[in-house]
């Protein structure tokens, strides 16, 4: 009887050990991801300090907004044309 109990606990502790190792790998990967994201945010913020980069970014956003508005206009015109038929 005691041999079964001993084997049970050995197995349980081995499982906990393996689980702890696996969780440690997950934690290391998550830490590395957060570290990389933080560095990316820092570099983006640092780059935005440049007036030229800021202007480029703002112009790109405006261009996207204009393109979206033109697409909406074209879709609305198609609806108008379809309603007139």
PDB file of N, CA and C in Angstrom:
ATOM      1  N   UNK A   1       0.828  -1.188   0.000  1.00  0.00           N
ATOM      2  CA  UNK A   1       0.000   0.000   0.000  1.00  0.00           C
ATOM      3  C   UNK A   1       0.868   1.246   0.000  1.00  0.00           C
ATOM      4  N   UNK A   2       1.904   1.238   0.801  1.00  0.00           N
ATOM      5  CA  UNK A   2       2.715   2.439   0.880  1.00  0.00           C
ATOM      6  C   UNK A   2       3.488   2.680  -0.407  1.00  0.00           C
ATOM      7  N   UNK A   3       3.762   1.604  -1.155  1.00  0.00           N
ATOM      8  CA  UNK A   3       4.452   1.754  -2.428  1.00  0.00           C
ATOM      9  C   UNK A   3       3.572   2.517  -3.425  1.00  0.00           C
ATOM     10  N   UNK A   4       2.263   2.263  -3.428  1.00  0.00           N
ATOM     11  CA  UNK A   4       1.333   2.970  -4.312  1.00  0.00           C
ATOM     12  C   UNK A   4       1.271   4.445  -3.955  1.00  0.00           C
ATOM     13  N   UNK A   5       1.255   4.726  -2.651  1.00  0.00           N
ATOM     14  CA  UNK A   5       1.206   6.114  -2.198  1.00  0.00           C
ATOM     15  C   UNK A   5       2.490   6.836  -2.590  1.00  0.00           C
ATOM     16  N   UNK A   6       3.602   6.166  -2.394  1.00  0.00           N
ATOM     17  CA  UNK A   6       4.891   6.765  -2.756  1.00  0.00           C
ATOM     18  C   UNK A   6       4.950   7.043  -4.256  1.00  0.00           C
ATOM     19  N   UNK A   7       4.526   6.058  -5.056  1.00  0.00           N
ATOM     20  CA  UNK A   7       4.517   6.252  -6.499  1.00  0.00           C
ATOM     21  C   UNK A   7       3.585   7.389  -6.904  1.00  0.00           C
ATOM     22  N   UNK A   8       2.443   7.469  -6.234  1.00  0.00           N
ATOM     23  CA  UNK A   8       1.503   8.548  -6.529  1.00  0.00           C
ATOM     24  C   UNK A   8       2.145   9.912  -6.298  1.00  0.00           C
ATOM     25  N   UNK A   9       2.787  10.067  -5.138  1.00  0.00           N
ATOM     26  CA  UNK A   9       3.401  11.355  -4.830  1.00  0.00           C
ATOM     27  C   UNK A   9       4.582  11.658  -5.737  1.00  0.00           C
ATOM     28  N   UNK A  10       5.360  10.627  -6.095  1.00  0.00           N
ATOM     29  CA  UNK A  10       6.466  10.851  -7.027  1.00  0.00           C
ATOM     30  C   UNK A  10       5.923  11.357  -8.358  1.00  0.00           C
ATOM     31  N   UNK A  11       4.863  10.722  -8.829  1.00  0.00           N
ATOM     32  CA  UNK A  11       4.257  11.143 -10.088  1.00  0.00           C
ATOM     33  C   UNK A  11       3.688  12.542  -9.995  1.00  0.00           C
ATOM     34  N   UNK A  12       3.039  12.838  -8.886  1.00  0.00           N
ATOM     35  CA  UNK A  12       2.438  14.162  -8.710  1.00  0.00           C
ATOM     36  C   UNK A  12       3.511  15.248  -8.678  1.00  0.00           C
ATOM     37  N   UNK A  13       4.593  14.990  -7.951  1.00  0.00           N
ATOM     38  CA  UNK A  13       5.659  15.995  -7.878  1.00  0.00           C
ATOM     39  C   UNK A  13       6.387  16.133  -9.207  1.00  0.00           C
ATOM     40  N   UNK A  14       6.524  15.049  -9.945  1.00  0.00           N
ATOM     41  CA  UNK A  14       7.130  15.133 -11.278  1.00  0.00           C
ATOM     42  C   UNK A  14       6.244  15.962 -12.211  1.00  0.00           C
ATOM     43  N   UNK A  15       4.933  15.758 -12.131  1.00  0.00           N
ATOM     44  CA  UNK A  15       4.007  16.550 -12.936  1.00  0.00           C
ATOM     45  C   UNK A  15       4.087  18.027 -12.575  1.00  0.00           C
ATOM     46  N   UNK A  16       4.154  18.327 -11.284  1.00  0.00           N
ATOM     47  CA  UNK A  16       4.256  19.736 -10.858  1.00  0.00           C
ATOM     48  C   UNK A  16       5.556  20.350 -11.357  1.00  0.00           C
ATOM     49  N   UNK A  17       6.644  19.566 -11.324  1.00  0.00           N
ATOM     50  CA  UNK A  17       7.939  20.057 -11.789  1.00  0.00           C
ATOM     51  C   UNK A  17       7.871  20.385 -13.283  1.00  0.00           C
ATOM     52  N   UNK A  18       7.303  19.486 -14.069  1.00  0.00           N
ATOM     53  CA  UNK A  18       7.173  19.722 -15.501  1.00  0.00           C
ATOM     54  C   UNK A  18       6.258  20.917 -15.788  1.00  0.00           C
ATOM     55  N   UNK A  19       5.184  21.027 -15.029  1.00  0.00           N
ATOM     56  CA  UNK A  19       4.258  22.145 -15.207  1.00  0.00           C
ATOM     57  C   UNK A  19       4.951  23.470 -14.882  1.00  0.00           C
ATOM     58  N   UNK A  20       5.742  23.483 -13.822  1.00  0.00           N
ATOM     59  CA  UNK A  20       6.462  24.698 -13.441  1.00  0.00           C
ATOM     60  C   UNK A  20       7.461  25.090 -14.531  1.00  0.00           C
ATOM     61  N   UNK A  21       8.146  24.099 -15.117  1.00  0.00           N
ATOM     62  CA  UNK A  21       9.091  24.392 -16.199  1.00  0.00           C
ATOM     63  C   UNK A  21       8.365  24.983 -17.397  1.00  0.00           C
ATOM     64  N   UNK A  22       7.241  24.380 -17.758  1.00  0.00           N
ATOM     65  CA  UNK A  22       6.474  24.875 -18.900  1.00  0.00           C
ATOM     66  C   UNK A  22       5.962  26.286 -18.645  1.00  0.00           C
ATOM     67  N   UNK A  23       5.462  26.538 -17.441  1.00  0.00           N
ATOM     68  CA  UNK A  23       4.961  27.869 -17.114  1.00  0.00           C
ATOM     69  C   UNK A  23       6.089  28.889 -17.125  1.00  0.00           C
ATOM     70  N   UNK A  24       7.272  28.481 -16.705  1.00  0.00           N
ATOM     71  CA  UNK A  24       8.428  29.379 -16.725  1.00  0.00           C
ATOM     72  C   UNK A  24       8.757  29.779 -18.164  1.00  0.00           C
ATOM     73  N   UNK A  25       8.677  28.821 -19.098  1.00  0.00           N
ATOM     74  CA  UNK A  25       8.923  29.132 -20.505  1.00  0.00           C
ATOM     75  C   UNK A  25       7.888  30.127 -21.028  1.00  0.00           C
ATOM     76  N   UNK A  26       6.626  29.934 -20.637  1.00  0.00           N
ATOM     77  CA  UNK A  26       5.566  30.865 -21.044  1.00  0.00           C
ATOM     78  C   UNK A  26       5.849  32.251 -20.474  1.00  0.00           C
ATOM     79  N   UNK A  27       6.222  32.307 -19.216  1.00  0.00           N
ATOM     80  CA  UNK A  27       6.520  33.588 -18.574  1.00  0.00           C
ATOM     81  C   UNK A  27       7.691  34.286 -19.253  1.00  0.00           C
ATOM     82  N   UNK A  28       8.736  33.531 -19.607  1.00  0.00           N
ATOM     83  CA  UNK A  28       9.887  34.126 -20.286  1.00  0.00           C
ATOM     84  C   UNK A  28       9.475  34.692 -21.636  1.00  0.00           C
ATOM     85  N   UNK A  29       8.648  33.954 -22.379  1.00  0.00           N
ATOM     86  CA  UNK A  29       8.209  34.420 -23.689  1.00  0.00           C
ATOM     87  C   UNK A  29       7.348  35.677 -23.553  1.00  0.00           C
ATOM     88  N   UNK A  30       6.438  35.686 -22.590  1.00  0.00           N
ATOM     89  CA  UNK A  30       5.591  36.865 -22.374  1.00  0.00           C
ATOM     90  C   UNK A  30       6.421  38.075 -21.964  1.00  0.00           C
ATOM     91  N   UNK A  31       7.413  37.863 -21.109  1.00  0.00           N
ATOM     92  CA  UNK A  31       8.281  38.951 -20.680  1.00  0.00           C
ATOM     93  C   UNK A  31       9.040  39.527 -21.874  1.00  0.00           C
ATOM     94  N   UNK A  32       9.557  38.652 -22.725  1.00  0.00           N
ATOM     95  CA  UNK A  32      10.296  39.112 -23.902  1.00  0.00           C
ATOM     96  C   UNK A  32       9.378  39.897 -24.841  1.00  0.00           C
ATOM     97  N   UNK A  33       8.127  39.451 -24.973  1.00  0.00           N
ATOM     98  CA  UNK A  33       7.177  40.156 -25.834  1.00  0.00           C
ATOM     99  C   UNK A  33       6.869  41.546 -25.284  1.00  0.00           C
ATOM    100  N   UNK A  34       6.637  41.637 -23.993  1.00  0.00           N
ATOM    101  CA  UNK A  34       6.348  42.938 -23.375  1.00  0.00           C
ATOM    102  C   UNK A  34       7.552  43.860 -23.499  1.00  0.00           C
ATOM    103  N   UNK A  35       8.724  43.313 -23.321  1.00  0.00           N
ATOM    104  CA  UNK A  35       9.950  44.106 -23.438  1.00  0.00           C
ATOM    105  C   UNK A  35      10.100  44.649 -24.864  1.00  0.00           C
ATOM    106  N   UNK A  36       9.846  43.800 -25.863  1.00  0.00           N
ATOM    107  CA  UNK A  36       9.954  44.234 -27.257  1.00  0.00           C
ATOM    108  C   UNK A  36       8.897  45.286 -27.586  1.00  0.00           C
ATOM    109  N   UNK A  37       7.663  45.090 -27.103  1.00  0.00           N
ATOM    110  CA  UNK A  37       6.605  46.077 -27.345  1.00  0.00           C
ATOM    111  C   UNK A  37       6.943  47.417 -26.702  1.00  0.00           C
ATOM    112  N   UNK A  38       7.501  47.359 -25.511  1.00  0.00           N
ATOM    113  CA  UNK A  38       7.881  48.581 -24.815  1.00  0.00           C
ATOM    114  C   UNK A  38       8.963  49.324 -25.591  1.00  0.00           C
ATOM    115  N   UNK A  39       9.925  48.578 -26.089  1.00  0.00           N
ATOM    116  CA  UNK A  39      10.992  49.212 -26.868  1.00  0.00           C
ATOM    117  C   UNK A  39      10.426  49.824 -28.150  1.00  0.00           C
ATOM    118  N   UNK A  40       9.496  49.125 -28.797  1.00  0.00           N
ATOM    119  CA  UNK A  40       8.885  49.644 -30.021  1.00  0.00           C
ATOM    120  C   UNK A  40       8.136  50.943 -29.734  1.00  0.00           C
ATOM    121  N   UNK A  41       7.395  50.971 -28.635  1.00  0.00           N
ATOM    122  CA  UNK A  41       6.678  52.192 -28.265  1.00  0.00           C
ATOM    123  C   UNK A  41       7.655  53.327 -27.998  1.00  0.00           C
ATOM    124  N   UNK A  42       8.749  53.026 -27.331  1.00  0.00           N
ATOM    125  CA  UNK A  42       9.760  54.043 -27.033  1.00  0.00           C
ATOM    126  C   UNK A  42      10.348  54.604 -28.330  1.00  0.00           C
ATOM    127  N   UNK A  43      10.710  53.709 -29.252  1.00  0.00           N
ATOM    128  CA  UNK A  43      11.290  54.149 -30.516  1.00  0.00           C
ATOM    129  C   UNK A  43      10.292  54.974 -31.325  1.00  0.00           C
ATOM    130  N   UNK A  44       9.022  54.577 -31.316  1.00  0.00           N
ATOM    131  CA  UNK A  44       8.001  55.354 -32.020  1.00  0.00           C
ATOM    132  C   UNK A  44       7.848  56.735 -31.402  1.00  0.00           C
ATOM    133  N   UNK A  45       7.839  56.789 -30.087  1.00  0.00           N
ATOM    134  CA  UNK A  45       7.703  58.079 -29.406  1.00  0.00           C
ATOM    135  C   UNK A  45       8.918  58.961 -29.692  1.00  0.00           C
ATOM    136  N   UNK A  46      10.085  58.348 -29.694  1.00  0.00           N
ATOM    137  CA  UNK A  46      11.313  59.095 -29.971  1.00  0.00           C
ATOM    138  C   UNK A  46      11.293  59.617 -31.408  1.00  0.00           C
ATOM    139  N   UNK A  47      10.820  58.801 -32.336  1.00  0.00           N
ATOM    140  CA  UNK A  47      10.771  59.221 -33.730  1.00  0.00           C
ATOM    141  C   UNK A  47       9.758  60.345 -33.929  1.00  0.00           C
ATOM    142  N   UNK A  48       8.683  60.336 -33.152  1.00  0.00           N
ATOM    143  CA  UNK A  48       7.663  61.379 -33.292  1.00  0.00           C
ATOM    144  C   UNK A  48       8.172  62.725 -32.803  1.00  0.00           C
ATOM    145  N   UNK A  49       9.284  62.716 -32.109  1.00  0.00           N
ATOM    146  CA  UNK A  49       9.880  63.975 -31.668  1.00  0.00           C
ATOM    147  C   UNK A  49      10.451  64.759 -32.839  1.00  0.00           C
ATOM    148  N   UNK A  50      10.655  64.086 -33.945  1.00  0.00           N
ATOM    149  CA  UNK A  50      11.180  64.736 -35.142  1.00  0.00           C
ATOM    150  C   UNK A  50      10.027  65.420 -35.866  1.00  0.00           C
ATOM    151  N   UNK A  51      10.106  66.715 -36.104  1.00  0.00           N
ATOM    152  CA  UNK A  51       9.008  67.420 -36.779  1.00  0.00           C
ATOM    153  C   UNK A  51       8.697  66.861 -38.167  1.00  0.00           C
ATOM    154  N   UNK A  52       9.733  66.442 -38.895  1.00  0.00           N
ATOM    155  CA  UNK A  52       9.495  65.902 -40.231  1.00  0.00           C
ATOM    156  C   UNK A  52       8.692  64.613 -40.162  1.00  0.00           C
ATOM    157  N   UNK A  53       9.055  63.729 -39.244  1.00  0.00           N
ATOM    158  CA  UNK A  53       8.337  62.452 -39.096  1.00  0.00           C
ATOM    159  C   UNK A  53       6.893  62.693 -38.678  1.00  0.00           C
ATOM    160  N   UNK A  54       6.709  63.672 -37.787  1.00  0.00           N
ATOM    161  CA  UNK A  54       5.355  63.987 -37.331  1.00  0.00           C
ATOM    162  C   UNK A  54       4.504  64.481 -38.501  1.00  0.00           C
ATOM    163  N   UNK A  55       5.074  65.359 -39.313  1.00  0.00           N
ATOM    164  CA  UNK A  55       4.351  65.879 -40.480  1.00  0.00           C
ATOM    165  C   UNK A  55       3.997  64.745 -41.446  1.00  0.00           C
ATOM    166  N   UNK A  56       4.948  63.839 -41.682  1.00  0.00           N
ATOM    167  CA  UNK A  56       4.707  62.712 -42.579  1.00  0.00           C
ATOM    168  C   UNK A  56       3.566  61.834 -42.069  1.00  0.00           C
ATOM    169  N   UNK A  57       3.585  61.582 -40.774  1.00  0.00           N
ATOM    170  CA  UNK A  57       2.545  60.735 -40.191  1.00  0.00           C
ATOM    171  C   UNK A  57       1.178  61.408 -40.296  1.00  0.00           C
ATOM    172  N   UNK A  58       1.125  62.677 -39.993  1.00  0.00           N
ATOM    173  CA  UNK A  58      -0.146  63.397 -40.055  1.00  0.00           C
ATOM    174  C   UNK A  58      -0.661  63.439 -41.500  1.00  0.00           C
ATOM    175  N   UNK A  59       0.231  63.651 -42.470  1.00  0.00           N
ATOM    176  CA  UNK A  59      -0.183  63.683 -43.869  1.00  0.00           C
ATOM    177  C   UNK A  59      -0.689  62.315 -44.308  1.00  0.00           C
ATOM    178  N   UNK A  60      -0.045  61.267 -43.857  1.00  0.00           N
ATOM    179  CA  UNK A  60      -0.488  59.914 -44.208  1.00  0.00           C
ATOM    180  C   UNK A  60      -1.886  59.646 -43.641  1.00  0.00           C
ATOM    181  N   UNK A  61      -2.133  60.098 -42.416  1.00  0.00           N
ATOM    182  CA  UNK A  61      -3.461  59.924 -41.816  1.00  0.00           C
ATOM    183  C   UNK A  61      -4.514  60.713 -42.603  1.00  0.00           C
ATOM    184  N   UNK A  62      -4.165  61.931 -42.996  1.00  0.00           N
ATOM    185  CA  UNK A  62      -5.102  62.743 -43.783  1.00  0.00           C
ATOM    186  C   UNK A  62      -5.380  62.089 -45.132  1.00  0.00           C
ATOM    187  N   UNK A  63      -4.353  61.541 -45.759  1.00  0.00           N
ATOM    188  CA  UNK A  63      -4.540  60.858 -47.044  1.00  0.00           C
ATOM    189  C   UNK A  63      -5.475  59.660 -46.895  1.00  0.00           C
ATOM    190  N   UNK A  64      -5.327  58.920 -45.818  1.00  0.00           N
ATOM    191  CA  UNK A  64      -6.220  57.779 -45.566  1.00  0.00           C
ATOM    192  C   UNK A  64      -7.655  58.246 -45.370  1.00  0.00           C
ATOM    193  N   UNK A  65      -7.840  59.338 -44.648  1.00  0.00           N
ATOM    194  CA  UNK A  65      -9.182  59.864 -44.425  1.00  0.00           C
ATOM    195  C   UNK A  65      -9.818  60.338 -45.740  1.00  0.00           C
ATOM    196  N   UNK A  66      -9.025  60.984 -46.579  1.00  0.00           N
ATOM    197  CA  UNK A  66      -9.528  61.447 -47.868  1.00  0.00           C
ATOM    198  C   UNK A  66      -9.923  60.257 -48.735  1.00  0.00           C
ATOM    199  N   UNK A  67      -9.089  59.231 -48.746  1.00  0.00           N
ATOM    200  CA  UNK A  67      -9.397  58.034 -49.540  1.00  0.00           C
ATOM    201  C   UNK A  67     -10.685  57.377 -49.044  1.00  0.00           C
ATOM    202  N   UNK A  68     -10.860  57.298 -47.740  1.00  0.00           N
ATOM    203  CA  UNK A  68     -12.079  56.706 -47.177  1.00  0.00           C
ATOM    204  C   UNK A  68     -13.300  57.542 -47.552  1.00  0.00           C
ATOM    205  N   UNK A  69     -13.159  58.858 -47.489  1.00  0.00           N
ATOM    206  CA  UNK A  69     -14.278  59.737 -47.847  1.00  0.00           C
ATOM    207  C   UNK A  69     -14.620  59.606 -49.330  1.00  0.00           C
ATOM    208  N   UNK A  70     -13.612  59.512 -50.186  1.00  0.00           N
ATOM    209  CA  UNK A  70     -13.864  59.340 -51.619  1.00  0.00           C
ATOM    210  C   UNK A  70     -14.560  58.013 -51.906  1.00  0.00           C
ATOM    211  N   UNK A  71     -14.178  56.988 -51.183  1.00  0.00           N
ATOM    212  CA  UNK A  71     -14.833  55.688 -51.339  1.00  0.00           C
ATOM    213  C   UNK A  71     -16.305  55.778 -50.941  1.00  0.00           C
ATOM    214  N   UNK A  72     -16.581  56.455 -49.839  1.00  0.00           N
ATOM    215  CA  UNK A  72     -17.972  56.630 -49.396  1.00  0.00           C
ATOM    216  C   UNK A  72     -18.773  57.422 -50.425  1.00  0.00           C
ATOM    217  N   UNK A  73     -18.146  58.445 -51.026  1.00  0.00           N
ATOM    218  CA  UNK A  73     -18.822  59.243 -52.051  1.00  0.00           C
ATOM    219  C   UNK A  73     -19.174  58.361 -53.246  1.00  0.00           C
ATOM    220  N   UNK A  74     -18.229  57.541 -53.682  1.00  0.00           N
ATOM    221  CA  UNK A  74     -18.464  56.662 -54.831  1.00  0.00           C
ATOM    222  C   UNK A  74     -19.582  55.666 -54.528  1.00  0.00           C
ATOM    223  N   UNK A  75     -19.575  55.107 -53.325  1.00  0.00           N
ATOM    224  CA  UNK A  75     -20.633  54.164 -52.943  1.00  0.00           C
ATOM    225  C   UNK A  75     -21.993  54.852 -52.913  1.00  0.00           C
ATOM    226  N   UNK A  76     -22.027  56.066 -52.390  1.00  0.00           N
ATOM    227  CA  UNK A  76     -23.288  56.808 -52.339  1.00  0.00           C
ATOM    228  C   UNK A  76     -23.780  57.125 -53.746  1.00  0.00           C
ATOM    229  N   UNK A  77     -22.858  57.477 -54.656  1.00  0.00           N
ATOM    230  CA  UNK A  77     -23.245  57.767 -56.033  1.00  0.00           C
ATOM    231  C   UNK A  77     -23.812  56.524 -56.707  1.00  0.00           C
ATOM    232  N   UNK A  78     -23.220  55.366 -56.433  1.00  0.00           N
ATOM    233  CA  UNK A  78     -23.744  54.113 -56.989  1.00  0.00           C
ATOM    234  C   UNK A  78     -25.171  53.860 -56.490  1.00  0.00           C
ATOM    235  N   UNK A  79     -25.409  54.134 -55.222  1.00  0.00           N
ATOM    236  CA  UNK A  79     -26.754  53.952 -54.663  1.00  0.00           C
ATOM    237  C   UNK A  79     -27.747  54.916 -55.304  1.00  0.00           C
ATOM    238  N   UNK A  80     -27.282  56.146 -55.548  1.00  0.00           N
ATOM    239  CA  UNK A  80     -28.155  57.153 -56.191  1.00  0.00           C
ATOM    240  C   UNK A  80     -28.503  56.700 -57.593  1.00  0.00           C
ATOM    241  N   UNK A  81     -27.484  56.243 -58.332  1.00  0.00           N
ATOM    242  CA  UNK A  81     -27.700  55.795 -59.711  1.00  0.00           C
ATOM    243  C   UNK A  81     -28.647  54.582 -59.742  1.00  0.00           C
ATOM    244  N   UNK A  82     -28.462  53.670 -58.805  1.00  0.00           N
ATOM    245  CA  UNK A  82     -29.313  52.473 -58.755  1.00  0.00           C
ATOM    246  C   UNK A  82     -30.754  52.860 -58.411  1.00  0.00           C
ATOM    247  N   UNK A  83     -30.930  53.850 -57.573  1.00  0.00           N
ATOM    248  CA  UNK A  83     -32.280  54.272 -57.179  1.00  0.00           C
ATOM    249  C   UNK A  83     -32.995  54.997 -58.330  1.00  0.00           C
ATOM    250  N   UNK A  84     -32.248  55.623 -59.217  1.00  0.00           N
ATOM    251  CA  UNK A  84     -32.845  56.357 -60.329  1.00  0.00           C
ATOM    252  C   UNK A  84     -33.315  55.443 -61.444  1.00  0.00           C
ATOM    253  N   UNK A  85     -32.830  54.213 -61.490  1.00  0.00           N
ATOM    254  CA  UNK A  85     -33.187  53.290 -62.582  1.00  0.00           C
ATOM    255  C   UNK A  85     -34.561  52.719 -62.396  1.00  0.00           C
TER     256      UNK A  85
END
